[in-house]
C-alpha atoms as a PDB file:
ATOM      1  CA  GLY A   1       4.842  -8.529   4.538  1.00  0.00           C
ATOM      2  CA  GLU A   2       6.400 -11.450   3.117  1.00  0.00           C
ATOM      3  CA  ARG A   3       9.906  -9.611   2.072  1.00  0.00           C
ATOM      4  CA  ARG A   4      13.359  -8.777   3.842  1.00  0.00           C
ATOM      5  CA  VAL A   5      14.092  -5.228   3.923  1.00  0.00           C
ATOM      6  CA  VAL A   6      17.234  -3.022   3.900  1.00  0.00           C
ATOM      7  CA  THR A   7      18.098   0.389   5.551  1.00  0.00           C
ATOM      8  CA  VAL A   8      18.708   2.859   3.121  1.00  0.00           C
ATOM      9  CA  ASN A   9      18.637   5.967   5.454  1.00  0.00           C
ATOM     10  CA  ALA A  10      18.082   5.957   9.573  1.00  0.00           C
ATOM     11  CA  GLN A  11      17.684   9.340  11.581  1.00  0.00           C
ATOM     12  CA  MET A  12      17.312   8.550  15.483  1.00  0.00           C
ATOM     13  CA  ASN A  13      16.699  11.155  17.784  1.00  0.00           C
ATOM     14  CA  TYR A  14      17.385  10.242  21.371  1.00  0.00           C
ATOM     15  CA  MET A  15      15.588  13.006  23.947  1.00  0.00           C
ATOM     16  CA  ARG A  16      16.128  11.487  27.125  1.00  0.00           C
ATOM     17  CA  ILE A  17      17.391   8.368  29.521  1.00  0.00           C
ATOM     18  CA  GLY A  18      15.058   5.793  29.707  1.00  0.00           C
ATOM     19  CA  VAL A  19      14.300   4.294  33.231  1.00  0.00           C
ATOM     20  CA  ALA A  20      16.832   1.032  33.361  1.00  0.00           C
ATOM     21  CA  GLU A  21      14.403  -1.253  35.275  1.00  0.00           C
ATOM     22  CA  GLY A  22      11.733  -2.868  33.096  1.00  0.00           C
ATOM     23  CA  LYS A  23      11.451  -3.309  29.349  1.00  0.00           C
ATOM     24  CA  MET A  24      11.817  -0.791  26.411  1.00  0.00           C
ATOM     25  CA  THR A  25       8.909  -0.393  23.615  1.00  0.00           C
ATOM     26  CA  ALA A  26       9.309   0.426  20.060  1.00  0.00           C
ATOM     27  CA  ARG A  27       6.419   1.015  18.205  1.00  0.00           C
ATOM     28  CA  GLY A  28       6.651   1.477  14.325  1.00  0.00           C
ATOM     29  CA  LYS A  29       4.259   3.374  11.833  1.00  0.00           C
ATOM     30  CA  THR A  30       4.411   2.674   8.119  1.00  0.00           C
ATOM     31  CA  VAL A  31       3.928   6.292   6.554  1.00  0.00           C
ATOM     32  CA  LYS A  32       4.170   5.181   3.194  1.00  0.00           C
ATOM     33  CA  ALA A  33       4.776   1.844   1.331  1.00  0.00           C
ATOM     34  CA  GLY A  34       5.634   1.954  -2.182  1.00  0.00           C
ATOM     35  CA  LYS A  35       6.501  -0.626  -4.601  1.00  0.00           C
ATOM     36  CA  SER A  36      10.102  -0.502  -3.645  1.00  0.00           C
ATOM     37  CA  LEU A  37      10.369   1.802  -0.452  1.00  0.00           C
ATOM     38  CA  ALA A  38       8.646   1.699   2.676  1.00  0.00           C
ATOM     39  CA  PHE A  39       9.202   5.194   4.852  1.00  0.00           C
ATOM     40  CA  VAL A  40       8.412   4.461   8.541  1.00  0.00           C
ATOM     41  CA  ASP A  41       8.560   6.386  12.095  1.00  0.00           C
ATOM     42  CA  VAL A  42       9.507   5.009  15.081  1.00  0.00           C
ATOM     43  CA  GLU A  43       8.838   5.956  18.958  1.00  0.00           C
ATOM     44  CA  VAL A  44      10.637   4.388  21.810  1.00  0.00           C
ATOM     45  CA  PHE A  45       9.518   4.417  25.219  1.00  0.00           C
ATOM     46  CA  ASP A  46      11.231   3.493  28.552  1.00  0.00           C
ATOM     47  CA  SER A  47       9.007   1.118  31.100  1.00  0.00           C
ATOM     48  CA  LYS A  48       7.189   4.159  32.614  1.00  0.00           C
ATOM     49  CA  GLU A  49       5.791   5.140  29.172  1.00  0.00           C
ATOM     50  CA  THR A  50       8.234   7.768  28.489  1.00  0.00           C
ATOM     51  CA  LEU A  51       9.125   8.704  25.503  1.00  0.00           C
ATOM     52  CA  VAL A  52      13.034   8.409  25.001  1.00  0.00           C
ATOM     53  CA  ALA A  53      13.978   8.189  21.220  1.00  0.00           C
ATOM     54  CA  ARG A  54      11.856   9.249  17.931  1.00  0.00           C
ATOM     55  CA  GLY A  55      12.976   7.907  14.266  1.00  0.00           C
ATOM     56  CA  GLN A  56      12.409   8.178  10.634  1.00  0.00           C
ATOM     57  CA  PHE A  57      13.433   5.136   8.359  1.00  0.00           C
ATOM     58  CA  THR A  58      13.623   4.725   4.785  1.00  0.00           C
ATOM     59  CA  LEU A  59      13.354   0.724   4.047  1.00  0.00           C
ATOM     60  CA  ALA A  60      14.272  -0.892   0.370  1.00  0.00           C
ATOM     61  CA  TYR A  61      12.346  -3.419  -0.274  1.00  0.00           C
ATOM     62  CA  SER A  62      14.516  -7.167  -1.134  1.00  0.00           C
ATOM     63  CA  GLU A  63      13.492  -9.903  -3.626  1.00  0.00           C
ATOM     64  CA  GLU A  64      14.674 -12.320  -1.104  1.00  0.00           C
ATOM     65  CA  LYS A  65      11.732 -13.832   0.886  1.00  0.00           C
ATOM     66  CA  ILE A  66      11.096 -14.575   4.406  1.00  0.00           C
ATOM     67  CA  PRO A  67      11.181 -18.202   5.072  1.00  0.00           C
ATOM     68  CA  GLY A  68       8.171 -19.580   6.255  1.00  0.00           C
ATOM     69  CA  MET A  69       5.951 -16.230   5.386  1.00  0.00           C
ATOM     70  CA  GLY A  70       4.395 -17.337   2.326  1.00  0.00           C
END
């Protein structure tokens, strides 16, 4: 959206060492977005598309707008 967020809670589970060559990719999915909080799941993959980490985050919306986003 247009507002900044602050991390309220974060849990990250590291499952294995990622391949050092190439890029790592993080994919996030909003599980639920309310008026003041958002709950997000994130998965991190190495360059061979192997899942290396998974996390859950709770974010609180700030009243501060992101410049240029609205």
